[in-house]
C-alpha atoms as a PDB file:
ATOM      1  CA  MET A   1     100.029 116.780  89.824  1.00  0.00           C
ATOM      2  CA  LEU A   2     101.230 114.315  87.164  1.00  0.00           C
ATOM      3  CA  MET A   3      97.746 112.546  87.207  1.00  0.00           C
ATOM      4  CA  LYS A   4      96.164 115.925  86.409  1.00  0.00           C
ATOM      5  CA  GLU A   5      98.613 116.504  83.658  1.00  0.00           C
ATOM      6  CA  GLY A   6      97.948 113.048  82.172  1.00  0.00           C
ATOM      7  CA  MET A   7      94.229 113.734  82.001  1.00  0.00           C
ATOM      8  CA  LYS A   8      94.757 117.222  79.877  1.00  0.00           C
ATOM      9  CA  ALA A   9      94.702 114.987  76.719  1.00  0.00           C
ATOM     10  CA  LEU A  10      93.951 111.195  78.021  1.00  0.00           C
ATOM     11  CA  SER A  11      90.984 110.011  79.393  1.00  0.00           C
ATOM     12  CA  PRO A  12      91.008 108.792  82.980  1.00  0.00           C
ATOM     13  CA  TYR A  13      91.169 105.174  81.759  1.00  0.00           C
ATOM     14  CA  GLN A  14      94.153 105.770  79.679  1.00  0.00           C
ATOM     15  CA  VAL A  15      96.149 107.491  82.289  1.00  0.00           C
ATOM     16  CA  ALA A  16      95.247 104.649  84.919  1.00  0.00           C
ATOM     17  CA  THR A  17      96.158 102.074  82.484  1.00  0.00           C
ATOM     18  CA  ILE A  18      99.463 103.672  81.116  1.00  0.00           C
ATOM     19  CA  ARG A  19     100.318 104.248  85.115  1.00  0.00           C
ATOM     20  CA  ILE A  20     100.185 100.410  85.546  1.00  0.00           C
ATOM     21  CA  LEU A  21     101.588  99.413  82.136  1.00  0.00           C
ATOM     22  CA  SER A  22     104.720 101.810  82.680  1.00  0.00           C
ATOM     23  CA  ALA A  23     105.287 100.258  86.120  1.00  0.00           C
ATOM     24  CA  GLY A  24     105.124  96.667  84.641  1.00  0.00           C
ATOM     25  CA  LEU A  25     107.498  97.702  81.751  1.00  0.00           C
ATOM     26  CA  ILE A  26     109.867  98.966  84.231  1.00  0.00           C
ATOM     27  CA  MET A  27     109.978  95.849  86.313  1.00  0.00           C
ATOM     28  CA  ILE A  28     110.460  93.388  83.297  1.00  0.00           C
ATOM     29  CA  PRO A  29     114.109  92.955  83.915  1.00  0.00           C
ATOM     30  CA  PHE A  30     113.414  91.718  87.157  1.00  0.00           C
ATOM     31  CA  PHE A  31     110.562  89.394  86.526  1.00  0.00           C
ATOM     32  CA  ILE A  32     112.331  86.187  85.781  1.00  0.00           C
ATOM     33  CA  LYS A  33     114.261  86.366  89.042  1.00  0.00           C
ATOM     34  CA  SER A  34     111.284  87.206  91.142  1.00  0.00           C
ATOM     35  CA  TYR A  35     109.278  84.216  89.506  1.00  0.00           C
ATOM     36  CA  ARG A  36     111.983  81.960  90.573  1.00  0.00           C
ATOM     37  CA  GLN A  37     112.189  83.616  94.119  1.00  0.00           C
ATOM     38  CA  ILE A  38     108.440  83.596  94.846  1.00  0.00           C
ATOM     39  CA  PRO A  39     107.059  80.272  96.156  1.00  0.00           C
ATOM     40  CA  ALA A  40     104.562  78.875  93.732  1.00  0.00           C
ATOM     41  CA  GLU A  41     101.846  78.830  96.497  1.00  0.00           C
ATOM     42  CA  LYS A  42     102.486  82.555  97.164  1.00  0.00           C
ATOM     43  CA  ARG A  43     102.226  83.874  93.545  1.00  0.00           C
ATOM     44  CA  LYS A  44      98.546  84.115  93.481  1.00  0.00           C
ATOM     45  CA  TYR A  45      98.714  86.541  96.517  1.00  0.00           C
ATOM     46  CA  VAL A  46     101.221  88.701  94.705  1.00  0.00           C
ATOM     47  CA  PHE A  47      99.054  88.871  91.636  1.00  0.00           C
ATOM     48  CA  ILE A  48      96.062  89.693  93.655  1.00  0.00           C
ATOM     49  CA  SER A  49      98.018  92.165  95.614  1.00  0.00           C
ATOM     50  CA  GLY A  50      99.034  94.005  92.359  1.00  0.00           C
ATOM     51  CA  ILE A  51      95.312  94.151  91.266  1.00  0.00           C
ATOM     52  CA  ILE A  52      93.802  95.345  94.665  1.00  0.00           C
ATOM     53  CA  GLY A  53      96.660  97.480  95.574  1.00  0.00           C
ATOM     54  CA  SER A  54      97.707  99.225  92.567  1.00  0.00           C
ATOM     55  CA  MET A  55      95.421  98.593  89.374  1.00  0.00           C
ATOM     56  CA  ILE A  56      92.006  99.033  90.568  1.00  0.00           C
ATOM     57  CA  PRO A  57      92.861 102.046  92.660  1.00  0.00           C
ATOM     58  CA  ALA A  58      94.603 103.559  89.968  1.00  0.00           C
ATOM     59  CA  TYR A  59      91.213 103.951  88.058  1.00  0.00           C
ATOM     60  CA  LEU A  60      89.352 105.019  90.979  1.00  0.00           C
ATOM     61  CA  PHE A  61      91.798 107.735  91.722  1.00  0.00           C
ATOM     62  CA  CYS A  62      91.705 108.954  88.099  1.00  0.00           C
ATOM     63  CA  LEU A  63      87.891 109.013  87.898  1.00  0.00           C
ATOM     64  CA  SER A  64      87.474 110.705  91.276  1.00  0.00           C
ATOM     65  CA  GLU A  65      89.969 113.585  90.100  1.00  0.00           C
ATOM     66  CA  THR A  66      87.773 114.428  87.207  1.00  0.00           C
ATOM     67  CA  LYS A  67      85.418 115.826  89.778  1.00  0.00           C
ATOM     68  CA  LEU A  68      86.847 116.241  93.040  1.00  0.00           C
ATOM     69  CA  ASP A  69      89.172 118.852  94.390  1.00  0.00           C
ATOM     70  CA  SER A  70      92.895 117.332  95.072  1.00  0.00           C
ATOM     71  CA  SER A  71      92.763 118.280  98.633  1.00  0.00           C
ATOM     72  CA  ILE A  72      89.496 116.469  99.262  1.00  0.00           C
ATOM     73  CA  VAL A  73      91.225 113.326  97.599  1.00  0.00           C
ATOM     74  CA  GLY A  74      94.100 113.835 100.011  1.00  0.00           C
ATOM     75  CA  ILE A  75      91.861 113.941 102.931  1.00  0.00           C
ATOM     76  CA  LEU A  76      90.115 110.805 101.750  1.00  0.00           C
ATOM     77  CA  ASN A  77      93.383 108.897 100.918  1.00  0.00           C
ATOM     78  CA  ALA A  78      94.383 109.754 104.566  1.00  0.00           C
ATOM     79  CA  LEU A  79      91.641 107.134 105.613  1.00  0.00           C
ATOM     80  CA  THR A  80      94.119 104.483 104.499  1.00  0.00           C
ATOM     81  CA  PRO A  81      95.585 103.823 107.832  1.00  0.00           C
ATOM     82  CA  LEU A  82      92.250 103.668 109.501  1.00  0.00           C
ATOM     83  CA  PHE A  83      90.733 101.114 106.817  1.00  0.00           C
ATOM     84  CA  MET A  84      94.161  99.006 107.224  1.00  0.00           C
ATOM     85  CA  ILE A  85      93.800  98.662 110.955  1.00  0.00           C
ATOM     86  CA  LEU A  86      89.860  97.755 110.663  1.00  0.00           C
ATOM     87  CA  VAL A  87      90.619  95.208 108.073  1.00  0.00           C
ATOM     88  CA  GLY A  88      93.822  93.935 109.991  1.00  0.00           C
ATOM     89  CA  ILE A  89      91.748  93.421 113.218  1.00  0.00           C
ATOM     90  CA  LEU A  90      88.546  92.012 111.472  1.00  0.00           C
ATOM     91  CA  PHE A  91      90.135  89.521 109.049  1.00  0.00           C
ATOM     92  CA  PHE A  92      93.947  89.297 109.885  1.00  0.00           C
ATOM     93  CA  GLU A  93      94.339  88.890 113.601  1.00  0.00           C
ATOM     94  CA  MET A  94      96.295  92.070 113.767  1.00  0.00           C
ATOM     95  CA  LYS A  95      97.184  93.533 117.061  1.00  0.00           C
ATOM     96  CA  VAL A  96      97.395  97.156 117.307  1.00  0.00           C
ATOM     97  CA  SER A  97      98.314  99.286 120.425  1.00  0.00           C
ATOM     98  CA  THR A  98      96.251 102.183 122.026  1.00  0.00           C
ATOM     99  CA  LYS A  99      99.062 104.498 121.156  1.00  0.00           C
ATOM    100  CA  GLN A 100      98.961 103.572 117.428  1.00  0.00           C
ATOM    101  CA  LEU A 101      95.150 103.988 117.256  1.00  0.00           C
ATOM    102  CA  LEU A 102      95.696 107.298 118.791  1.00  0.00           C
ATOM    103  CA  GLY A 103      98.628 108.314 116.442  1.00  0.00           C
ATOM    104  CA  VAL A 104      96.538 107.370 113.351  1.00  0.00           C
ATOM    105  CA  ALA A 105      93.419 109.517 114.758  1.00  0.00           C
ATOM    106  CA  VAL A 106      95.886 112.675 115.416  1.00  0.00           C
ATOM    107  CA  GLY A 107      97.551 112.326 112.299  1.00  0.00           C
ATOM    108  CA  PHE A 108      94.011 112.268 110.523  1.00  0.00           C
ATOM    109  CA  LEU A 109      92.948 115.378 112.558  1.00  0.00           C
ATOM    110  CA  GLY A 110      96.056 117.263 111.322  1.00  0.00           C
ATOM    111  CA  MET A 111      95.326 116.290 107.696  1.00  0.00           C
ATOM    112  CA  ILE A 112      91.668 117.629 107.753  1.00  0.00           C
ATOM    113  CA  LEU A 113      92.849 120.715 109.385  1.00  0.00           C
ATOM    114  CA  LEU A 114      95.290 121.110 106.706  1.00  0.00           C
ATOM    115  CA  LEU A 115      93.388 120.470 103.626  1.00  0.00           C
ATOM    116  CA  MET A 116      89.735 121.059 104.518  1.00  0.00           C
ATOM    117  CA  PRO A 117      89.942 125.116 103.962  1.00  0.00           C
ATOM    118  CA  LYS A 118      91.448 124.345 100.602  1.00  0.00           C
ATOM    119  CA  GLY A 119      88.971 121.868  99.283  1.00  0.00           C
ATOM    120  CA  ASN A 120      85.695 122.478  97.339  1.00  0.00           C
ATOM    121  CA  PHE A 121      83.087 119.787  97.954  1.00  0.00           C
ATOM    122  CA  GLU A 122      79.403 119.545  96.834  1.00  0.00           C
ATOM    123  CA  PHE A 123      76.868 116.842  97.845  1.00  0.00           C
ATOM    124  CA  LYS A 124      76.499 116.019  94.014  1.00  0.00           C
ATOM    125  CA  ASP A 125      80.242 114.758  94.360  1.00  0.00           C
ATOM    126  CA  LEU A 126      79.459 112.023  97.063  1.00  0.00           C
ATOM    127  CA  GLY A 127      79.742 109.376  94.437  1.00  0.00           C
ATOM    128  CA  TYR A 128      82.938 110.253  93.353  1.00  0.00           C
ATOM    129  CA  SER A 129      84.268 110.492  97.073  1.00  0.00           C
ATOM    130  CA  LEU A 130      83.023 106.902  97.460  1.00  0.00           C
ATOM    131  CA  LEU A 131      85.512 105.963  94.615  1.00  0.00           C
ATOM    132  CA  VAL A 132      88.348 107.189  96.961  1.00  0.00           C
ATOM    133  CA  LEU A 133      86.928 105.478  99.808  1.00  0.00           C
ATOM    134  CA  LEU A 134      86.864 102.344  97.839  1.00  0.00           C
ATOM    135  CA  ALA A 135      90.455 102.737  96.866  1.00  0.00           C
ATOM    136  CA  THR A 136      91.647 103.435 100.351  1.00  0.00           C
ATOM    137  CA  PHE A 137      89.648 100.350 101.641  1.00  0.00           C
ATOM    138  CA  LEU A 138      91.601  98.416  98.952  1.00  0.00           C
ATOM    139  CA  TYR A 139      95.058  99.627 100.179  1.00  0.00           C
ATOM    140  CA  GLY A 140      93.876  98.528 103.580  1.00  0.00           C
ATOM    141  CA  ILE A 141      93.298  94.962 102.416  1.00  0.00           C
ATOM    142  CA  ASN A 142      96.583  94.865 100.418  1.00  0.00           C
ATOM    143  CA  VAL A 143      98.731  96.194 103.302  1.00  0.00           C
ATOM    144  CA  ASN A 144      97.355  93.383 105.518  1.00  0.00           C
ATOM    145  CA  LEU A 145      97.745  90.843 102.686  1.00  0.00           C
ATOM    146  CA  VAL A 146     101.420  91.711 101.795  1.00  0.00           C
ATOM    147  CA  HIS A 147     102.110  92.032 105.569  1.00  0.00           C
ATOM    148  CA  LYS A 148     100.691  88.591 106.242  1.00  0.00           C
ATOM    149  CA  THR A 149     101.689  86.490 103.602  1.00  0.00           C
ATOM    150  CA  MET A 150     104.830  87.865 101.970  1.00  0.00           C
ATOM    151  CA  LYS A 151     107.145  88.609 104.720  1.00  0.00           C
ATOM    152  CA  GLU A 152     109.686  86.250 103.393  1.00  0.00           C
ATOM    153  CA  ILE A 153     109.520  87.650  99.756  1.00  0.00           C
ATOM    154  CA  THR A 154     111.730  90.808  99.113  1.00  0.00           C
ATOM    155  CA  SER A 155     109.886  93.965  98.026  1.00  0.00           C
ATOM    156  CA  ILE A 156     111.335  94.200  94.425  1.00  0.00           C
ATOM    157  CA  HIS A 157     110.238  90.632  93.594  1.00  0.00           C
ATOM    158  CA  ILE A 158     106.694  91.486  94.915  1.00  0.00           C
ATOM    159  CA  VAL A 159     106.476  94.369  92.546  1.00  0.00           C
ATOM    160  CA  ALA A 160     108.286  92.778  89.697  1.00  0.00           C
ATOM    161  CA  PHE A 161     106.074  90.031  89.381  1.00  0.00           C
ATOM    162  CA  ALA A 162     102.671  91.850  90.387  1.00  0.00           C
ATOM    163  CA  PHE A 163     103.269  94.571  87.939  1.00  0.00           C
ATOM    164  CA  THR A 164     104.781  92.395  84.968  1.00  0.00           C
ATOM    165  CA  GLY A 165     101.754  90.111  85.439  1.00  0.00           C
ATOM    166  CA  LEU A 166      99.347  93.039  84.696  1.00  0.00           C
ATOM    167  CA  LEU A 167     101.014  93.858  81.155  1.00  0.00           C
ATOM    168  CA  ILE A 168      98.791  92.059  78.993  1.00  0.00           C
ATOM    169  CA  PRO A 169      95.576  93.163  80.516  1.00  0.00           C
ATOM    170  CA  CYS A 170      96.852  96.789  80.526  1.00  0.00           C
ATOM    171  CA  PHE A 171      97.633  96.552  76.744  1.00  0.00           C
ATOM    172  CA  ILE A 172      94.298  94.932  76.000  1.00  0.00           C
ATOM    173  CA  ILE A 173      92.515  97.857  77.894  1.00  0.00           C
ATOM    174  CA  LEU A 174      94.673 100.720  76.476  1.00  0.00           C
ATOM    175  CA  TYR A 175      93.986  99.270  73.030  1.00  0.00           C
ATOM    176  CA  SER A 176      90.179  99.181  73.794  1.00  0.00           C
ATOM    177  CA  THR A 177      90.222 102.942  74.736  1.00  0.00           C
ATOM    178  CA  GLY A 178      91.612 104.015  71.311  1.00  0.00           C
ATOM    179  CA  PHE A 179      94.832 105.096  72.539  1.00  0.00           C
ATOM    180  CA  PHE A 180      97.158 103.614  69.890  1.00  0.00           C
ATOM    181  CA  SER A 181      94.777 105.387  67.109  1.00  0.00           C
ATOM    182  CA  GLN A 182      95.213 108.514  68.747  1.00  0.00           C
ATOM    183  CA  ILE A 183      98.895 108.287  68.024  1.00  0.00           C
ATOM    184  CA  MET A 184      98.222 108.798  64.504  1.00  0.00           C
ATOM    185  CA  HIS A 185      96.905 112.419  64.931  1.00  0.00           C
ATOM    186  CA  ALA A 186      98.512 113.075  68.231  1.00  0.00           C
ATOM    187  CA  THR A 187      99.150 116.864  69.490  1.00  0.00           C
ATOM    188  CA  PRO A 188     102.141 117.902  71.510  1.00  0.00           C
ATOM    189  CA  GLN A 189      99.810 117.891  74.549  1.00  0.00           C
ATOM    190  CA  PHE A 190      99.050 114.151  73.885  1.00  0.00           C
ATOM    191  CA  TYR A 191     102.735 113.334  74.259  1.00  0.00           C
ATOM    192  CA  ILE A 192     103.106 115.472  77.172  1.00  0.00           C
ATOM    193  CA  SER A 193      99.946 113.784  78.981  1.00  0.00           C
ATOM    194  CA  THR A 194     101.450 110.532  78.004  1.00  0.00           C
ATOM    195  CA  ALA A 195     104.868 111.181  79.464  1.00  0.00           C
ATOM    196  CA  ALA A 196     103.187 112.469  82.608  1.00  0.00           C
ATOM    197  CA  ALA A 197     101.259 109.204  82.950  1.00  0.00           C
ATOM    198  CA  PHE A 198     104.444 107.113  82.582  1.00  0.00           C
ATOM    199  CA  THR A 199     106.637 108.981  84.900  1.00  0.00           C
ATOM    200  CA  LEU A 200     103.624 108.677  87.350  1.00  0.00           C
ATOM    201  CA  GLY A 201     103.592 104.877  86.845  1.00  0.00           C
ATOM    202  CA  SER A 202     107.440 104.354  87.017  1.00  0.00           C
ATOM    203  CA  ILE A 203     108.386 106.373  89.757  1.00  0.00           C
ATOM    204  CA  GLY A 204     105.255 107.115  91.545  1.00  0.00           C
ATOM    205  CA  THR A 205     104.020 103.692  91.441  1.00  0.00           C
ATOM    206  CA  ALA A 206     106.765 100.963  90.858  1.00  0.00           C
ATOM    207  CA  PHE A 207     109.595 102.586  92.729  1.00  0.00           C
ATOM    208  CA  ALA A 208     107.405 104.093  95.470  1.00  0.00           C
ATOM    209  CA  THR A 209     105.713 100.795  95.941  1.00  0.00           C
ATOM    210  CA  ILE A 210     109.137  98.947  96.253  1.00  0.00           C
ATOM    211  CA  TYR A 211     110.273 101.482  98.968  1.00  0.00           C
ATOM    212  CA  PHE A 212     106.601 101.331 100.819  1.00  0.00           C
ATOM    213  CA  TYR A 213     107.044  97.580 101.056  1.00  0.00           C
ATOM    214  CA  LYS A 214     110.546  97.756 102.427  1.00  0.00           C
ATOM    215  CA  LEU A 215     109.186 100.336 104.841  1.00  0.00           C
ATOM    216  CA  MET A 216     106.375  98.121 105.977  1.00  0.00           C
ATOM    217  CA  LYS A 217     108.688  95.075 106.676  1.00  0.00           C
ATOM    218  CA  SER A 218     111.048  97.252 108.755  1.00  0.00           C
ATOM    219  CA  ALA A 219     108.803  99.702 110.569  1.00  0.00           C
ATOM    220  CA  GLY A 220     105.452  97.712 110.558  1.00  0.00           C
ATOM    221  CA  ALA A 221     102.121  97.895 108.773  1.00  0.00           C
ATOM    222  CA  VAL A 222     100.683 100.514 110.751  1.00  0.00           C
ATOM    223  CA  PHE A 223     103.553 103.089 110.448  1.00  0.00           C
ATOM    224  CA  ALA A 224     103.942 102.234 106.809  1.00  0.00           C
ATOM    225  CA  SER A 225     100.357 103.024 106.103  1.00  0.00           C
ATOM    226  CA  MET A 226     100.784 106.527 107.448  1.00  0.00           C
ATOM    227  CA  VAL A 227     103.020 107.384 104.490  1.00  0.00           C
ATOM    228  CA  THR A 228      99.741 109.091 103.188  1.00  0.00           C
ATOM    229  CA  TYR A 229     100.208 111.789 105.889  1.00  0.00           C
ATOM    230  CA  GLY A 230     103.592 112.673 104.354  1.00  0.00           C
ATOM    231  CA  ILE A 231     101.790 113.917 101.245  1.00  0.00           C
ATOM    232  CA  PRO A 232     101.220 117.100 102.653  1.00  0.00           C
ATOM    233  CA  PHE A 233     104.695 117.885 103.638  1.00  0.00           C
ATOM    234  CA  VAL A 234     105.742 117.326 100.063  1.00  0.00           C
ATOM    235  CA  ALA A 235     103.046 119.666  98.636  1.00  0.00           C
ATOM    236  CA  VAL A 236     103.891 122.454 101.196  1.00  0.00           C
ATOM    237  CA  ALA A 237     107.611 122.106 100.384  1.00  0.00           C
ATOM    238  CA  TRP A 238     106.876 122.395  96.612  1.00  0.00           C
ATOM    239  CA  GLY A 239     104.885 125.511  97.512  1.00  0.00           C
ATOM    240  CA  LEU A 240     107.534 127.124  99.275  1.00  0.00           C
ATOM    241  CA  VAL A 241     109.957 126.426  96.392  1.00  0.00           C
ATOM    242  CA  LEU A 242     107.238 128.115  93.952  1.00  0.00           C
ATOM    243  CA  GLY A 243     106.942 131.140  96.220  1.00  0.00           C
ATOM    244  CA  ASP A 244     103.740 130.260  98.253  1.00  0.00           C
ATOM    245  CA  HIS A 245     103.096 131.523 101.578  1.00  0.00           C
ATOM    246  CA  ILE A 246     102.553 129.119 104.439  1.00  0.00           C
ATOM    247  CA  SER A 247     100.257 130.111 107.038  1.00  0.00           C
ATOM    248  CA  LEU A 248     100.420 129.503 110.990  1.00  0.00           C
ATOM    249  CA  ILE A 249      97.512 127.071 110.550  1.00  0.00           C
ATOM    250  CA  GLU A 250      99.405 124.985 108.003  1.00  0.00           C
ATOM    251  CA  ILE A 251     102.436 124.842 110.482  1.00  0.00           C
ATOM    252  CA  LEU A 252     100.102 123.752 113.287  1.00  0.00           C
ATOM    253  CA  SER A 253      98.549 121.031 111.098  1.00  0.00           C
ATOM    254  CA  LEU A 254     102.019 119.708 109.992  1.00  0.00           C
ATOM    255  CA  LEU A 255     103.019 119.629 113.733  1.00  0.00           C
ATOM    256  CA  ILE A 256      99.834 117.687 114.677  1.00  0.00           C
ATOM    257  CA  ILE A 257     100.573 115.037 111.750  1.00  0.00           C
ATOM    258  CA  LEU A 258     104.116 114.703 113.020  1.00  0.00           C
ATOM    259  CA  VAL A 259     102.681 113.979 116.653  1.00  0.00           C
ATOM    260  CA  GLY A 260     100.400 111.337 114.988  1.00  0.00           C
ATOM    261  CA  VAL A 261     103.283 109.726 113.293  1.00  0.00           C
ATOM    262  CA  ALA A 262     105.412 109.621 116.356  1.00  0.00           C
ATOM    263  CA  LEU A 263     102.587 107.972 118.451  1.00  0.00           C
ATOM    264  CA  SER A 264     102.011 105.471 115.637  1.00  0.00           C
ATOM    265  CA  SER A 265     105.607 104.306 115.489  1.00  0.00           C
ATOM    266  CA  ARG A 266     105.028 103.031 119.183  1.00  0.00           C
ATOM    267  CA  LYS A 267     103.749  99.739 119.603  1.00  0.00           C
ATOM    268  CA  ALA A 268     103.494  99.701 123.487  1.00  0.00           C
END
């Protein structure tokens, strides 16, 4: 919702850049401590994590949202656990139980049942779908990277170092898009869109990433990656608040997702 609001007056590149920029600005107070706490040999991994786990996906998702229905994006985003497991097994010597694999598959089935009837997909949109697939693949790499190389680093230090380190590139990119010259002739919608992108970055990226890493450290990479399956619950809840009707198939789909999450939480 915030991404869509942001793109009413800003380009996808501007929304994505402001998203990462605002996350970095929010984390500035924690940067010095994070720099001291992160071992020198680990800093490159943390910085790479910020690029492949947040910065590049931010652009990919914004570009995809210009053509794809949000429901389709939600389904494709739910491939994150599958990519995480695939990358983990192939490159990070990850051990995954049969129940965890079954849980991921069951949860993904629930996502398809829930969101597919709402989607509007045409073959010409295939290229934009590949952007989402690339983003989820990068998420899979990032989850494994953080899980494998940063177990001893606290979540807030990872996020503070990664996002603050991206501030200068973001300022350069935002300047190149003409954002600052637009301020001179800005409309009210311009400020609303900018505020939406800033909120998306500070809350939906910085703080959300901190809690995601905390969950991963306490519950494991497979279970944490399935937070993408929680998005429909939030969407349905907001729909009920706004007076929408929830159908039987939606209830059934949510129950299937819960079964998948329950199975994935079991390692044996």
